[in-house]
Amino acid sequence: ECAEALLAGADTRAVLRRFVPFIPQTTIVVDRLDLVQ
């Protein structure tokens, strides 16, 4: 549901709000963060 909502253009923060409680312990490595504008 969250993935489909993102693809359909739903508000990103609203989608994340629904998903965050279900995130297992995860370390996220973001390589090339300098590209984010």
Full PDB file with SEQRES, HELIX, SHEET, SSBOND, CRYST1, ORIGX, SCALE, CONECT and MASTER records, all heavy atoms in Angstrom:
SEQRES   1 A   37  GLU CYS ALA GLU ALA LEU LEU ALA GLY ALA ASP THR ARG          
SEQRES   2 A   37  ALA VAL LEU ARG ARG PHE VAL PRO PHE ILE PRO GLN THR          
SEQRES   3 A   37  THR ILE VAL VAL ASP ARG LEU ASP LEU VAL GLN                  
HELIX    1 AA1 CYS A    2  LEU A    7  1                                   6    
HELIX    2 AA2 THR A   12  PHE A   19  1                                   8    
HELIX    3 AA3 VAL A   20  PHE A   22  5                                   3    
HELIX    4 AA4 LEU A   33  LEU A   35  5                                   3    
CRYST1    1.000    1.000    1.000  90.00  90.00  90.00 P 1           1          
ORIGX1      1.000000  0.000000  0.000000        0.00000                         
ORIGX2      0.000000  1.000000  0.000000        0.00000                         
ORIGX3      0.000000  0.000000  1.000000        0.00000                         
SCALE1      1.000000  0.000000  0.000000        0.00000                         
SCALE2      0.000000  1.000000  0.000000        0.00000                         
SCALE3      0.000000  0.000000  1.000000        0.00000                         
ATOM      1  N   GLU A   1       0.830  -1.205   0.000  1.00  0.00           N  
ATOM      2  CA  GLU A   1       0.000   0.000   0.000  1.00  0.00           C  
ATOM      3  C   GLU A   1       0.867   1.259   0.000  1.00  0.00           C  
ATOM      4  O   GLU A   1       0.610   2.204  -0.742  1.00  0.00           O  
ATOM      5  CB  GLU A   1      -0.905  -0.014   1.234  1.00  0.00           C  
ATOM      6  CG  GLU A   1      -1.803   1.177   1.350  1.00  0.00           C  
ATOM      7  CD  GLU A   1      -2.603   1.163   2.640  1.00  0.00           C  
ATOM      8  OE1 GLU A   1      -2.892   0.058   3.164  1.00  0.00           O  
ATOM      9  OE2 GLU A   1      -2.943   2.253   3.130  1.00  0.00           O  
ATOM     10  N   CYS A   2       1.919   1.269   0.826  1.00  0.00           N  
ATOM     11  CA  CYS A   2       2.811   2.431   0.883  1.00  0.00           C  
ATOM     12  C   CYS A   2       3.540   2.640  -0.440  1.00  0.00           C  
ATOM     13  O   CYS A   2       3.626   3.763  -0.938  1.00  0.00           O  
ATOM     14  CB  CYS A   2       3.816   2.276   2.026  1.00  0.00           C  
ATOM     15  SG  CYS A   2       3.088   2.410   3.664  1.00  0.00           S  
ATOM     16  N   ALA A   3       4.047   1.566  -1.025  1.00  0.00           N  
ATOM     17  CA  ALA A   3       4.754   1.673  -2.302  1.00  0.00           C  
ATOM     18  C   ALA A   3       3.827   2.179  -3.395  1.00  0.00           C  
ATOM     19  O   ALA A   3       4.191   3.057  -4.184  1.00  0.00           O  
ATOM     20  CB  ALA A   3       5.357   0.325  -2.684  1.00  0.00           C  
ATOM     21  N   GLU A   4       2.616   1.651  -3.439  1.00  0.00           N  
ATOM     22  CA  GLU A   4       1.649   2.083  -4.457  1.00  0.00           C  
ATOM     23  C   GLU A   4       1.260   3.543  -4.255  1.00  0.00           C  
ATOM     24  O   GLU A   4       1.097   4.292  -5.224  1.00  0.00           O  
ATOM     25  CB  GLU A   4       0.413   1.187  -4.417  1.00  0.00           C  
ATOM     26  CG  GLU A   4       0.699  -0.203  -4.956  1.00  0.00           C  
ATOM     27  CD  GLU A   4      -0.419  -1.193  -4.671  1.00  0.00           C  
ATOM     28  OE1 GLU A   4      -1.549  -0.760  -4.331  1.00  0.00           O  
ATOM     29  OE2 GLU A   4      -0.158  -2.403  -4.788  1.00  0.00           O  
ATOM     30  N   ALA A   5       1.113   3.969  -2.990  1.00  0.00           N  
ATOM     31  CA  ALA A   5       0.772   5.365  -2.713  1.00  0.00           C  
ATOM     32  C   ALA A   5       1.871   6.303  -3.200  1.00  0.00           C  
ATOM     33  O   ALA A   5       1.592   7.353  -3.786  1.00  0.00           O  
ATOM     34  CB  ALA A   5       0.516   5.559  -1.220  1.00  0.00           C  
ATOM     35  N   LEU A   6       3.134   5.914  -2.974  1.00  0.00           N  
ATOM     36  CA  LEU A   6       4.244   6.739  -3.470  1.00  0.00           C  
ATOM     37  C   LEU A   6       4.222   6.826  -4.985  1.00  0.00           C  
ATOM     38  O   LEU A   6       4.404   7.896  -5.566  1.00  0.00           O  
ATOM     39  CB  LEU A   6       5.591   6.181  -2.994  1.00  0.00           C  
ATOM     40  CG  LEU A   6       5.966   6.441  -1.552  1.00  0.00           C  
ATOM     41  CD1 LEU A   6       7.229   5.688  -1.191  1.00  0.00           C  
ATOM     42  CD2 LEU A   6       6.140   7.930  -1.296  1.00  0.00           C  
ATOM     43  N   LEU A   7       4.007   5.693  -5.625  1.00  0.00           N  
ATOM     44  CA  LEU A   7       3.968   5.679  -7.086  1.00  0.00           C  
ATOM     45  C   LEU A   7       2.803   6.497  -7.628  1.00  0.00           C  
ATOM     46  O   LEU A   7       2.886   7.068  -8.710  1.00  0.00           O  
ATOM     47  CB  LEU A   7       3.895   4.241  -7.606  1.00  0.00           C  
ATOM     48  CG  LEU A   7       5.161   3.416  -7.377  1.00  0.00           C  
ATOM     49  CD1 LEU A   7       4.915   1.951  -7.722  1.00  0.00           C  
ATOM     50  CD2 LEU A   7       6.317   3.966  -8.188  1.00  0.00           C  
ATOM     51  N   ALA A   8       1.722   6.577  -6.856  1.00  0.00           N  
ATOM     52  CA  ALA A   8       0.547   7.336  -7.288  1.00  0.00           C  
ATOM     53  C   ALA A   8       0.672   8.822  -6.969  1.00  0.00           C  
ATOM     54  O   ALA A   8      -0.199   9.613  -7.327  1.00  0.00           O  
ATOM     55  CB  ALA A   8      -0.705   6.762  -6.624  1.00  0.00           C  
ATOM     56  N   GLY A   9       1.746   9.208  -6.284  1.00  0.00           N  
ATOM     57  CA  GLY A   9       1.975  10.619  -6.005  1.00  0.00           C  
ATOM     58  C   GLY A   9       1.424  11.101  -4.675  1.00  0.00           C  
ATOM     59  O   GLY A   9       1.264  12.302  -4.474  1.00  0.00           O  
ATOM     60  N   ALA A  10       1.147  10.203  -3.750  1.00  0.00           N  
ATOM     61  CA  ALA A  10       0.645  10.598  -2.427  1.00  0.00           C  
ATOM     62  C   ALA A  10       1.706  11.413  -1.683  1.00  0.00           C  
ATOM     63  O   ALA A  10       2.893  11.355  -2.010  1.00  0.00           O  
ATOM     64  CB  ALA A  10       0.276   9.360  -1.609  1.00  0.00           C  
ATOM     65  N   ASP A  11       1.267  12.157  -0.676  1.00  0.00           N  
ATOM     66  CA  ASP A  11       2.174  12.943   0.142  1.00  0.00           C  
ATOM     67  C   ASP A  11       3.227  12.029   0.778  1.00  0.00           C  
ATOM     68  O   ASP A  11       2.888  11.075   1.481  1.00  0.00           O  
ATOM     69  CB  ASP A  11       1.387  13.669   1.237  1.00  0.00           C  
ATOM     70  CG  ASP A  11       2.301  14.432   2.175  1.00  0.00           C  
ATOM     71  OD1 ASP A  11       2.958  15.389   1.716  1.00  0.00           O  
ATOM     72  OD2 ASP A  11       2.380  14.041   3.354  1.00  0.00           O  
ATOM     73  N   THR A  12       4.481  12.301   0.506  1.00  0.00           N  
ATOM     74  CA  THR A  12       5.575  11.449   0.958  1.00  0.00           C  
ATOM     75  C   THR A  12       5.578  11.279   2.471  1.00  0.00           C  
ATOM     76  O   THR A  12       5.709  10.172   2.989  1.00  0.00           O  
ATOM     77  CB  THR A  12       6.922  12.030   0.486  1.00  0.00           C  
ATOM     78  OG1 THR A  12       6.888  12.180  -0.922  1.00  0.00           O  
ATOM     79  CG2 THR A  12       8.078  11.131   0.875  1.00  0.00           C  
ATOM     80  N   ARG A  13       5.434  12.371   3.217  1.00  0.00           N  
ATOM     81  CA  ARG A  13       5.486  12.286   4.674  1.00  0.00           C  
ATOM     82  C   ARG A  13       4.315  11.461   5.223  1.00  0.00           C  
ATOM     83  O   ARG A  13       4.473  10.707   6.174  1.00  0.00           O  
ATOM     84  CB  ARG A  13       5.483  13.692   5.268  1.00  0.00           C  
ATOM     85  CG  ARG A  13       5.805  13.775   6.736  1.00  0.00           C  
ATOM     86  CD  ARG A  13       7.232  13.344   7.095  1.00  0.00           C  
ATOM     87  NE  ARG A  13       8.276  14.086   6.480  1.00  0.00           N  
ATOM     88  CZ  ARG A  13       8.814  15.206   6.940  1.00  0.00           C  
ATOM     89  NH1 ARG A  13       8.378  15.742   8.048  1.00  0.00           N  
ATOM     90  NH2 ARG A  13       9.780  15.807   6.295  1.00  0.00           N  
ATOM     91  N   ALA A  14       3.144  11.582   4.606  1.00  0.00           N  
ATOM     92  CA  ALA A  14       1.988  10.785   5.054  1.00  0.00           C  
ATOM     93  C   ALA A  14       2.258   9.293   4.859  1.00  0.00           C  
ATOM     94  O   ALA A  14       1.934   8.464   5.710  1.00  0.00           O  
ATOM     95  CB  ALA A  14       0.728  11.209   4.306  1.00  0.00           C  
ATOM     96  N   VAL A  15       2.877   8.952   3.738  1.00  0.00           N  
ATOM     97  CA  VAL A  15       3.205   7.553   3.468  1.00  0.00           C  
ATOM     98  C   VAL A  15       4.243   7.066   4.467  1.00  0.00           C  
ATOM     99  O   VAL A  15       4.112   5.981   5.050  1.00  0.00           O  
ATOM    100  CB  VAL A  15       3.707   7.377   2.012  1.00  0.00           C  
ATOM    101  CG1 VAL A  15       4.221   5.970   1.775  1.00  0.00           C  
ATOM    102  CG2 VAL A  15       2.592   7.718   1.022  1.00  0.00           C  
ATOM    103  N   LEU A  16       5.281   7.859   4.706  1.00  0.00           N  
ATOM    104  CA  LEU A  16       6.310   7.481   5.673  1.00  0.00           C  
ATOM    105  C   LEU A  16       5.723   7.313   7.070  1.00  0.00           C  
ATOM    106  O   LEU A  16       6.102   6.404   7.811  1.00  0.00           O  
ATOM    107  CB  LEU A  16       7.432   8.519   5.692  1.00  0.00           C  
ATOM    108  CG  LEU A  16       8.288   8.601   4.430  1.00  0.00           C  
ATOM    109  CD1 LEU A  16       9.243   9.775   4.523  1.00  0.00           C  
ATOM    110  CD2 LEU A  16       9.032   7.307   4.179  1.00  0.00           C  
ATOM    111  N   ARG A  17       4.787   8.183   7.424  1.00  0.00           N  
ATOM    112  CA  ARG A  17       4.154   8.107   8.749  1.00  0.00           C  
ATOM    113  C   ARG A  17       3.493   6.744   8.955  1.00  0.00           C  
ATOM    114  O   ARG A  17       3.544   6.168  10.027  1.00  0.00           O  
ATOM    115  CB  ARG A  17       3.137   9.232   8.887  1.00  0.00           C  
ATOM    116  CG  ARG A  17       2.649   9.450  10.298  1.00  0.00           C  
ATOM    117  CD  ARG A  17       1.794  10.707  10.420  1.00  0.00           C  
ATOM    118  NE  ARG A  17       2.630  11.892  10.260  1.00  0.00           N  
ATOM    119  CZ  ARG A  17       2.512  12.788   9.269  1.00  0.00           C  
ATOM    120  NH1 ARG A  17       1.589  12.634   8.350  1.00  0.00           N  
ATOM    121  NH2 ARG A  17       3.316  13.814   9.197  1.00  0.00           N  
ATOM    122  N   ARG A  18       2.903   6.209   7.900  1.00  0.00           N  
ATOM    123  CA  ARG A  18       2.249   4.899   8.003  1.00  0.00           C  
ATOM    124  C   ARG A  18       3.273   3.770   8.072  1.00  0.00           C  
ATOM    125  O   ARG A  18       3.030   2.744   8.687  1.00  0.00           O  
ATOM    126  CB  ARG A  18       1.351   4.663   6.794  1.00  0.00           C  
ATOM    127  CG  ARG A  18       0.162   5.585   6.828  1.00  0.00           C  
ATOM    128  CD  ARG A  18      -1.061   5.036   6.245  1.00  0.00           C  
ATOM    129  NE  ARG A  18      -1.339   3.675   6.658  1.00  0.00           N  
ATOM    130  CZ  ARG A  18      -2.203   2.900   6.053  1.00  0.00           C  
ATOM    131  NH1 ARG A  18      -2.871   3.352   5.040  1.00  0.00           N  
ATOM    132  NH2 ARG A  18      -2.416   1.672   6.453  1.00  0.00           N  
ATOM    133  N   PHE A  19       4.416   3.945   7.416  1.00  0.00           N  
ATOM    134  CA  PHE A  19       5.399   2.872   7.310  1.00  0.00           C  
ATOM    135  C   PHE A  19       6.369   2.804   8.484  1.00  0.00           C  
ATOM    136  O   PHE A  19       6.765   1.725   8.917  1.00  0.00           O  
ATOM    137  CB  PHE A  19       6.172   3.029   5.997  1.00  0.00           C  
ATOM    138  CG  PHE A  19       7.301   2.057   5.841  1.00  0.00           C  
ATOM    139  CD1 PHE A  19       7.067   0.703   5.757  1.00  0.00           C  
ATOM    140  CD2 PHE A  19       8.604   2.503   5.803  1.00  0.00           C  
ATOM    141  CE1 PHE A  19       8.100  -0.205   5.631  1.00  0.00           C  
ATOM    142  CE2 PHE A  19       9.660   1.613   5.676  1.00  0.00           C  
ATOM    143  CZ  PHE A  19       9.400   0.254   5.589  1.00  0.00           C  
ATOM    144  N   VAL A  20       6.752   3.944   9.037  1.00  0.00           N  
ATOM    145  CA  VAL A  20       7.800   4.011  10.059  1.00  0.00           C  
ATOM    146  C   VAL A  20       7.620   3.008  11.205  1.00  0.00           C  
ATOM    147  O   VAL A  20       8.586   2.364  11.611  1.00  0.00           O  
ATOM    148  CB  VAL A  20       7.955   5.460  10.584  1.00  0.00           C  
ATOM    149  CG1 VAL A  20       8.692   5.515  11.907  1.00  0.00           C  
ATOM    150  CG2 VAL A  20       8.690   6.302   9.553  1.00  0.00           C  
ATOM    151  N   PRO A  21       6.417   2.821  11.741  1.00  0.00           N  
ATOM    152  CA  PRO A  21       6.294   1.882  12.874  1.00  0.00           C  
ATOM    153  C   PRO A  21       6.680   0.439  12.540  1.00  0.00           C  
ATOM    154  O   PRO A  21       6.907  -0.354  13.444  1.00  0.00           O  
ATOM    155  CB  PRO A  21       4.807   1.967  13.242  1.00  0.00           C  
ATOM    156  CG  PRO A  21       4.351   3.272  12.702  1.00  0.00           C  
ATOM    157  CD  PRO A  21       5.156   3.508  11.467  1.00  0.00           C  
ATOM    158  N   PHE A  22       6.772   0.107  11.269  1.00  0.00           N  
ATOM    159  CA  PHE A  22       7.037  -1.272  10.872  1.00  0.00           C  
ATOM    160  C   PHE A  22       8.463  -1.506  10.385  1.00  0.00           C  
ATOM    161  O   PHE A  22       8.786  -2.582   9.912  1.00  0.00           O  
ATOM    162  CB  PHE A  22       6.045  -1.701   9.785  1.00  0.00           C  
ATOM    163  CG  PHE A  22       4.628  -1.607  10.255  1.00  0.00           C  
ATOM    164  CD1 PHE A  22       3.869  -0.487   9.980  1.00  0.00           C  
ATOM    165  CD2 PHE A  22       4.076  -2.626  11.014  1.00  0.00           C  
ATOM    166  CE1 PHE A  22       2.565  -0.386  10.433  1.00  0.00           C  
ATOM    167  CE2 PHE A  22       2.776  -2.538  11.470  1.00  0.00           C  
ATOM    168  CZ  PHE A  22       2.014  -1.414  11.186  1.00  0.00           C  
ATOM    169  N   ILE A  23       9.325  -0.497  10.489  1.00  0.00           N  
ATOM    170  CA  ILE A  23      10.699  -0.634  10.018  1.00  0.00           C  
ATOM    171  C   ILE A  23      11.492  -1.474  11.018  1.00  0.00           C  
ATOM    172  O   ILE A  23      11.577  -1.128  12.192  1.00  0.00           O  
ATOM    173  CB  ILE A  23      11.377   0.737   9.835  1.00  0.00           C  
ATOM    174  CG1 ILE A  23      10.651   1.543   8.762  1.00  0.00           C  
ATOM    175  CG2 ILE A  23      12.851   0.582   9.479  1.00  0.00           C  
ATOM    176  CD1 ILE A  23      11.166   2.961   8.604  1.00  0.00           C  
ATOM    177  N   PRO A  24      12.060  -2.591  10.564  1.00  0.00           N  
ATOM    178  CA  PRO A  24      12.907  -3.368  11.469  1.00  0.00           C  
ATOM    179  C   PRO A  24      14.227  -2.623  11.691  1.00  0.00           C  
ATOM    180  O   PRO A  24      14.524  -1.653  10.998  1.00  0.00           O  
ATOM    181  CB  PRO A  24      13.133  -4.674  10.705  1.00  0.00           C  
ATOM    182  CG  PRO A  24      13.015  -4.281   9.270  1.00  0.00           C  
ATOM    183  CD  PRO A  24      12.008  -3.155   9.223  1.00  0.00           C  
ATOM    184  N   GLN A  25      15.028  -3.096  12.634  1.00  0.00           N  
ATOM    185  CA  GLN A  25      16.315  -2.451  12.876  1.00  0.00           C  
ATOM    186  C   GLN A  25      17.129  -2.498  11.588  1.00  0.00           C  
ATOM    187  O   GLN A  25      17.461  -3.567  11.086  1.00  0.00           O  
ATOM    188  CB  GLN A  25      17.066  -3.140  13.998  1.00  0.00           C  
ATOM    189  CG  GLN A  25      18.364  -2.446  14.327  1.00  0.00           C  
ATOM    190  CD  GLN A  25      19.053  -3.067  15.525  1.00  0.00           C  
ATOM    191  OE1 GLN A  25      18.500  -3.890  16.221  1.00  0.00           O  
ATOM    192  NE2 GLN A  25      20.278  -2.666  15.747  1.00  0.00           N  
ATOM    193  N   THR A  26      17.408  -1.323  11.047  1.00  0.00           N  
ATOM    194  CA  THR A  26      18.085  -1.213   9.757  1.00  0.00           C  
ATOM    195  C   THR A  26      19.099  -0.085   9.815  1.00  0.00           C  
ATOM    196  O   THR A  26      18.793   1.001  10.281  1.00  0.00           O  
ATOM    197  CB  THR A  26      17.071  -0.911   8.630  1.00  0.00           C  
ATOM    198  OG1 THR A  26      16.072  -1.924   8.606  1.00  0.00           O  
ATOM    199  CG2 THR A  26      17.752  -0.837   7.270  1.00  0.00           C  
ATOM    200  N   THR A  27      20.302  -0.354   9.346  1.00  0.00           N  
ATOM    201  CA  THR A  27      21.296   0.690   9.160  1.00  0.00           C  
ATOM    202  C   THR A  27      21.260   1.056   7.687  1.00  0.00           C  
ATOM    203  O   THR A  27      21.396   0.190   6.824  1.00  0.00           O  
ATOM    204  CB  THR A  27      22.703   0.199   9.546  1.00  0.00           C  
ATOM    205  OG1 THR A  27      22.681  -0.197  10.918  1.00  0.00           O  
ATOM    206  CG2 THR A  27      23.741   1.289   9.336  1.00  0.00           C  
ATOM    207  N   ILE A  28      21.052   2.327   7.408  1.00  0.00           N  
ATOM    208  CA  ILE A  28      20.972   2.783   6.020  1.00  0.00           C  
ATOM    209  C   ILE A  28      22.245   3.540   5.688  1.00  0.00           C  
ATOM    210  O   ILE A  28      22.610   4.499   6.365  1.00  0.00           O  
ATOM    211  CB  ILE A  28      19.749   3.688   5.797  1.00  0.00           C  
ATOM    212  CG1 ILE A  28      18.464   2.940   6.152  1.00  0.00           C  
ATOM    213  CG2 ILE A  28      19.714   4.182   4.349  1.00  0.00           C  
ATOM    214  CD1 ILE A  28      17.216   3.789   6.112  1.00  0.00           C  
ATOM    215  N   VAL A  29      22.929   3.075   4.662  1.00  0.00           N  
ATOM    216  CA  VAL A  29      24.116   3.758   4.149  1.00  0.00           C  
ATOM    217  C   VAL A  29      23.683   4.491   2.891  1.00  0.00           C  
ATOM    218  O   VAL A  29      23.192   3.880   1.944  1.00  0.00           O  
ATOM    219  CB  VAL A  29      25.240   2.750   3.805  1.00  0.00           C  
ATOM    220  CG1 VAL A  29      26.435   3.485   3.203  1.00  0.00           C  
ATOM    221  CG2 VAL A  29      25.642   1.946   5.032  1.00  0.00           C  
ATOM    222  N   VAL A  30      23.821   5.806   2.899  1.00  0.00           N  
ATOM    223  CA  VAL A  30      23.478   6.608   1.722  1.00  0.00           C  
ATOM    224  C   VAL A  30      24.781   7.095   1.119  1.00  0.00           C  
ATOM    225  O   VAL A  30      25.451   7.965   1.665  1.00  0.00           O  
ATOM    226  CB  VAL A  30      22.554   7.795   2.083  1.00  0.00           C  
ATOM    227  CG1 VAL A  30      22.183   8.572   0.830  1.00  0.00           C  
ATOM    228  CG2 VAL A  30      21.298   7.306   2.802  1.00  0.00           C  
ATOM    229  N   ASP A  31      25.135   6.495   0.003  1.00  0.00           N  
ATOM    230  CA  ASP A  31      26.369   6.835  -0.702  1.00  0.00           C  
ATOM    231  C   ASP A  31      26.047   7.922  -1.729  1.00  0.00           C  
ATOM    232  O   ASP A  31      25.056   7.835  -2.431  1.00  0.00           O  
ATOM    233  CB  ASP A  31      26.904   5.579  -1.394  1.00  0.00           C  
ATOM    234  CG  ASP A  31      28.349   5.705  -1.827  1.00  0.00           C  
ATOM    235  OD1 ASP A  31      29.015   6.692  -1.463  1.00  0.00           O  
ATOM    236  OD2 ASP A  31      28.819   4.800  -2.536  1.00  0.00           O  
ATOM    237  N   ARG A  32      26.885   8.949  -1.796  1.00  0.00           N  
ATOM    238  CA  ARG A  32      26.736  10.077  -2.722  1.00  0.00           C  
ATOM    239  C   ARG A  32      25.623  11.030  -2.294  1.00  0.00           C  
ATOM    240  O   ARG A  32      24.904  11.585  -3.109  1.00  0.00           O  
ATOM    241  CB  ARG A  32      26.499   9.602  -4.153  1.00  0.00           C  
ATOM    242  CG  ARG A  32      27.500   8.643  -4.733  1.00  0.00           C  
ATOM    243  CD  ARG A  32      28.737   9.243  -5.386  1.00  0.00           C  
ATOM    244  NE  ARG A  32      28.671  10.550  -5.949  1.00  0.00           N  
ATOM    245  CZ  ARG A  32      28.509  10.840  -7.238  1.00  0.00           C  
ATOM    246  NH1 ARG A  32      28.355   9.893  -8.119  1.00  0.00           N  
ATOM    247  NH2 ARG A  32      28.512  12.088  -7.654  1.00  0.00           N  
ATOM    248  N   LEU A  33      25.480  11.236  -0.993  1.00  0.00           N  
ATOM    249  CA  LEU A  33      24.476  12.161  -0.475  1.00  0.00           C  
ATOM    250  C   LEU A  33      24.696  13.575  -1.001  1.00  0.00           C  
ATOM    251  O   LEU A  33      23.768  14.376  -1.047  1.00  0.00           O  
ATOM    252  CB  LEU A  33      24.501  12.148   1.065  1.00  0.00           C  
ATOM    253  CG  LEU A  33      23.402  12.927   1.773  1.00  0.00           C  
ATOM    254  CD1 LEU A  33      22.037  12.328   1.466  1.00  0.00           C  
ATOM    255  CD2 LEU A  33      23.638  12.954   3.270  1.00  0.00           C  
ATOM    256  N   ASP A  34      25.912  13.869  -1.435  1.00  0.00           N  
ATOM    257  CA  ASP A  34      26.212  15.189  -1.975  1.00  0.00           C  
ATOM    258  C   ASP A  34      25.363  15.523  -3.199  1.00  0.00           C  
ATOM    259  O   ASP A  34      25.212  16.686  -3.564  1.00  0.00           O  
ATOM    260  CB  ASP A  34      27.700  15.291  -2.325  1.00  0.00           C  
ATOM    261  CG  ASP A  34      28.136  14.251  -3.341  1.00  0.00           C  
ATOM    262  OD1 ASP A  34      28.004  13.043  -3.040  1.00  0.00           O  
ATOM    263  OD2 ASP A  34      28.610  14.635  -4.421  1.00  0.00           O  
ATOM    264  N   LEU A  35      24.768  14.508  -3.841  1.00  0.00           N  
ATOM    265  CA  LEU A  35      23.934  14.754  -5.013  1.00  0.00           C  
ATOM    266  C   LEU A  35      22.547  15.284  -4.665  1.00  0.00           C  
ATOM    267  O   LEU A  35      21.845  15.801  -5.530  1.00  0.00           O  
ATOM    268  CB  LEU A  35      23.770  13.464  -5.830  1.00  0.00           C  
ATOM    269  CG  LEU A  35      25.024  12.924  -6.490  1.00  0.00           C  
ATOM    270  CD1 LEU A  35      24.726  11.598  -7.174  1.00  0.00           C  
ATOM    271  CD2 LEU A  35      25.572  13.935  -7.492  1.00  0.00           C  
ATOM    272  N   VAL A  36      22.155  15.168  -3.410  1.00  0.00           N  
ATOM    273  CA  VAL A  36      20.811  15.588  -3.014  1.00  0.00           C  
ATOM    274  C   VAL A  36      20.734  17.111  -3.003  1.00  0.00           C  
ATOM    275  O   VAL A  36      21.480  17.774  -2.294  1.00  0.00           O  
ATOM    276  CB  VAL A  36      20.426  15.017  -1.638  1.00  0.00           C  
ATOM    277  CG1 VAL A  36      19.101  15.598  -1.156  1.00  0.00           C  
ATOM    278  CG2 VAL A  36      20.364  13.504  -1.697  1.00  0.00           C  
ATOM    279  N   GLN A  37      19.815  17.634  -3.793  1.00  0.00           N  
ATOM    280  CA  GLN A  37      19.578  19.067  -3.852  1.00  0.00           C  
ATOM    281  C   GLN A  37      18.218  19.424  -3.251  1.00  0.00           C  
ATOM    282  O   GLN A  37      17.822  20.574  -3.255  1.00  0.00           O  
ATOM    283  CB  GLN A  37      19.634  19.544  -5.316  1.00  0.00           C  
ATOM    284  CG  GLN A  37      20.953  19.271  -5.992  1.00  0.00           C  
ATOM    285  CD  GLN A  37      22.077  20.063  -5.377  1.00  0.00           C  
ATOM    286  OE1 GLN A  37      21.942  21.238  -5.092  1.00  0.00           O  
ATOM    287  NE2 GLN A  37      23.201  19.402  -5.133  1.00  0.00           N  
TER     288      GLN A  37                                                      
MASTER        0    0    0    4    0    0    0    6  287    1    0    3          
END                                                                             
